[in-house]
Amino acid sequence: NVRIKVSSGMDSSSVSKKIEKAGLVKSSKDFDRYLVKKGYADNISVGNYEIPSGASYQEIAKIITK
């Protein structure tokens, strides 16, 4: 599992970059586009998250929008 911290004021683009840096996705741009297209971008919650390595875009999105 990889720990990700989402801080107040972070937009989906900065969260996506952090997730890419952690090695969970190959492209932060592709992941950010996914978040926007599927309606997750505006629902990202501040907090600390444990994301399993190898999680799909959908799994990651569901974890960070709890």
N, C-alpha and C. Protein backbone atom coordinates (compact mmCIF):
# COMPACT_ATOMS: atom_id res chain seq x y z
N ASN A 1 0.83 -1.20 0.00
CA ASN A 1 0.00 0.00 0.00
C ASN A 1 0.86 1.26 0.00
N VAL A 2 0.34 2.29 -0.63
CA VAL A 2 1.05 3.57 -0.70
C VAL A 2 0.21 4.61 0.03
N ARG A 3 0.86 5.41 0.87
CA ARG A 3 0.14 6.46 1.61
C ARG A 3 0.17 7.76 0.81
N ILE A 4 -0.99 8.38 0.70
CA ILE A 4 -1.12 9.65 -0.01
C ILE A 4 -1.81 10.64 0.93
N LYS A 5 -1.27 11.85 1.00
CA LYS A 5 -1.93 12.89 1.80
C LYS A 5 -2.51 13.94 0.86
N VAL A 6 -3.81 14.15 0.97
CA VAL A 6 -4.48 15.20 0.20
C VAL A 6 -4.72 16.37 1.15
N SER A 7 -4.12 17.51 0.82
CA SER A 7 -4.22 18.69 1.68
C SER A 7 -5.29 19.64 1.16
N SER A 8 -5.76 20.49 2.05
CA SER A 8 -6.75 21.50 1.70
C SER A 8 -6.21 22.37 0.57
N GLY A 9 -7.04 22.68 -0.41
CA GLY A 9 -6.62 23.55 -1.50
C GLY A 9 -6.02 22.83 -2.69
N MET A 10 -5.80 21.51 -2.57
CA MET A 10 -5.25 20.76 -3.71
C MET A 10 -6.36 20.50 -4.72
N ASP A 11 -6.08 20.76 -6.01
CA ASP A 11 -7.05 20.42 -7.04
C ASP A 11 -6.73 19.03 -7.60
N SER A 12 -7.59 18.56 -8.48
CA SER A 12 -7.41 17.19 -8.99
C SER A 12 -6.07 17.02 -9.71
N SER A 13 -5.60 18.10 -10.34
CA SER A 13 -4.32 18.04 -11.05
C SER A 13 -3.16 17.82 -10.07
N SER A 14 -3.14 18.53 -8.94
CA SER A 14 -2.05 18.34 -7.97
C SER A 14 -2.14 16.99 -7.29
N VAL A 15 -3.36 16.53 -7.03
CA VAL A 15 -3.54 15.20 -6.44
C VAL A 15 -3.04 14.14 -7.42
N SER A 16 -3.37 14.30 -8.69
CA SER A 16 -2.94 13.35 -9.73
C SER A 16 -1.41 13.30 -9.82
N LYS A 17 -0.77 14.48 -9.73
CA LYS A 17 0.70 14.52 -9.78
C LYS A 17 1.30 13.77 -8.59
N LYS A 18 0.70 13.95 -7.42
CA LYS A 18 1.18 13.27 -6.22
C LYS A 18 1.04 11.75 -6.37
N ILE A 19 -0.07 11.33 -6.95
CA ILE A 19 -0.34 9.90 -7.16
C ILE A 19 0.62 9.32 -8.19
N GLU A 20 0.96 10.10 -9.21
CA GLU A 20 1.95 9.65 -10.20
C GLU A 20 3.33 9.55 -9.55
N LYS A 21 3.71 10.55 -8.75
CA LYS A 21 5.00 10.55 -8.06
C LYS A 21 5.14 9.32 -7.16
N ALA A 22 4.02 8.89 -6.56
CA ALA A 22 4.02 7.72 -5.68
C ALA A 22 4.08 6.42 -6.47
N GLY A 23 4.01 6.53 -7.81
CA GLY A 23 4.13 5.34 -8.64
C GLY A 23 2.83 4.56 -8.83
N LEU A 24 1.70 5.18 -8.49
CA LEU A 24 0.42 4.47 -8.60
C LEU A 24 -0.19 4.55 -10.00
N VAL A 25 0.13 5.63 -10.73
CA VAL A 25 -0.32 5.76 -12.12
C VAL A 25 0.87 6.17 -12.97
N LYS A 26 0.82 5.85 -14.26
CA LYS A 26 1.93 6.20 -15.16
C LYS A 26 1.87 7.66 -15.57
N SER A 27 0.64 8.17 -15.78
CA SER A 27 0.49 9.54 -16.27
C SER A 27 -0.51 10.31 -15.42
N SER A 28 -0.03 11.38 -14.77
CA SER A 28 -0.93 12.20 -13.96
C SER A 28 -1.97 12.89 -14.85
N LYS A 29 -1.58 13.24 -16.08
CA LYS A 29 -2.52 13.90 -17.00
C LYS A 29 -3.67 12.96 -17.36
N ASP A 30 -3.35 11.71 -17.67
CA ASP A 30 -4.40 10.74 -18.01
C ASP A 30 -5.32 10.50 -16.81
N PHE A 31 -4.71 10.37 -15.63
CA PHE A 31 -5.51 10.12 -14.42
C PHE A 31 -6.39 11.33 -14.11
N ASP A 32 -5.84 12.55 -14.25
CA ASP A 32 -6.63 13.77 -14.01
C ASP A 32 -7.80 13.86 -14.99
N ARG A 33 -7.52 13.55 -16.26
CA ARG A 33 -8.61 13.56 -17.27
C ARG A 33 -9.71 12.58 -16.88
N TYR A 34 -9.30 11.40 -16.37
CA TYR A 34 -10.26 10.39 -15.92
C TYR A 34 -11.12 10.96 -14.78
N LEU A 35 -10.48 11.59 -13.80
CA LEU A 35 -11.20 12.16 -12.65
C LEU A 35 -12.23 13.19 -13.10
N VAL A 36 -11.84 14.04 -14.04
CA VAL A 36 -12.73 15.10 -14.53
C VAL A 36 -13.89 14.48 -15.32
N LYS A 37 -13.56 13.57 -16.25
CA LYS A 37 -14.56 12.95 -17.12
C LYS A 37 -15.61 12.17 -16.33
N LYS A 38 -15.16 11.49 -15.29
CA LYS A 38 -16.08 10.64 -14.50
C LYS A 38 -16.75 11.38 -13.34
N GLY A 39 -16.44 12.67 -13.18
CA GLY A 39 -17.09 13.47 -12.14
C GLY A 39 -16.49 13.33 -10.75
N TYR A 40 -15.29 12.76 -10.66
CA TYR A 40 -14.64 12.61 -9.35
C TYR A 40 -13.87 13.86 -8.94
N ALA A 41 -13.44 14.67 -9.91
CA ALA A 41 -12.51 15.78 -9.66
C ALA A 41 -12.99 16.75 -8.57
N ASP A 42 -14.29 17.04 -8.54
CA ASP A 42 -14.81 18.01 -7.57
C ASP A 42 -15.15 17.38 -6.23
N ASN A 43 -14.95 16.08 -6.11
CA ASN A 43 -15.34 15.37 -4.88
C ASN A 43 -14.16 14.80 -4.11
N ILE A 44 -12.95 15.22 -4.45
CA ILE A 44 -11.76 14.71 -3.75
C ILE A 44 -11.76 15.27 -2.33
N SER A 45 -11.58 14.38 -1.36
CA SER A 45 -11.62 14.78 0.05
C SER A 45 -10.23 14.91 0.64
N VAL A 46 -10.08 15.92 1.52
CA VAL A 46 -8.83 16.10 2.27
C VAL A 46 -8.66 14.92 3.22
N GLY A 47 -7.43 14.42 3.33
CA GLY A 47 -7.18 13.32 4.26
C GLY A 47 -5.98 12.50 3.87
N ASN A 48 -5.71 11.48 4.68
CA ASN A 48 -4.61 10.55 4.42
C ASN A 48 -5.22 9.25 3.91
N TYR A 49 -4.68 8.73 2.84
CA TYR A 49 -5.25 7.54 2.21
C TYR A 49 -4.19 6.46 2.03
N GLU A 50 -4.64 5.22 2.16
CA GLU A 50 -3.81 4.05 1.86
C GLU A 50 -4.33 3.50 0.55
N ILE A 51 -3.50 3.54 -0.48
CA ILE A 51 -3.93 3.05 -1.79
C ILE A 51 -3.10 1.82 -2.14
N PRO A 52 -3.77 0.70 -2.46
CA PRO A 52 -3.03 -0.52 -2.81
C PRO A 52 -2.25 -0.33 -4.10
N SER A 53 -1.01 -0.84 -4.15
CA SER A 53 -0.23 -0.82 -5.38
C SER A 53 -1.01 -1.61 -6.43
N GLY A 54 -1.04 -1.11 -7.66
CA GLY A 54 -1.75 -1.81 -8.71
C GLY A 54 -3.24 -1.53 -8.76
N ALA A 55 -3.70 -0.56 -7.96
CA ALA A 55 -5.13 -0.21 -7.98
C ALA A 55 -5.48 0.45 -9.31
N SER A 56 -6.71 0.22 -9.77
CA SER A 56 -7.17 0.81 -11.03
C SER A 56 -7.51 2.29 -10.80
N TYR A 57 -7.68 3.03 -11.90
CA TYR A 57 -8.10 4.43 -11.80
C TYR A 57 -9.37 4.53 -10.96
N GLN A 58 -10.34 3.65 -11.23
CA GLN A 58 -11.62 3.69 -10.51
C GLN A 58 -11.42 3.44 -9.02
N GLU A 59 -10.59 2.44 -8.68
CA GLU A 59 -10.34 2.13 -7.27
C GLU A 59 -9.69 3.32 -6.55
N ILE A 60 -8.70 3.93 -7.21
CA ILE A 60 -8.02 5.09 -6.60
C ILE A 60 -9.02 6.23 -6.43
N ALA A 61 -9.81 6.49 -7.46
CA ALA A 61 -10.80 7.58 -7.42
C ALA A 61 -11.79 7.38 -6.27
N LYS A 62 -12.25 6.14 -6.09
CA LYS A 62 -13.21 5.86 -5.01
C LYS A 62 -12.57 6.08 -3.64
N ILE A 63 -11.29 5.74 -3.51
CA ILE A 63 -10.61 5.91 -2.23
C ILE A 63 -10.45 7.40 -1.89
N ILE A 64 -10.04 8.21 -2.86
CA ILE A 64 -9.76 9.63 -2.56
C ILE A 64 -11.01 10.50 -2.54
N THR A 65 -12.16 9.95 -2.87
CA THR A 65 -13.40 10.75 -2.84
C THR A 65 -14.35 10.28 -1.74
N LYS A 66 -13.83 9.50 -0.80
CA LYS A 66 -14.68 9.00 0.30
C LYS A 66 -15.21 10.14 1.14
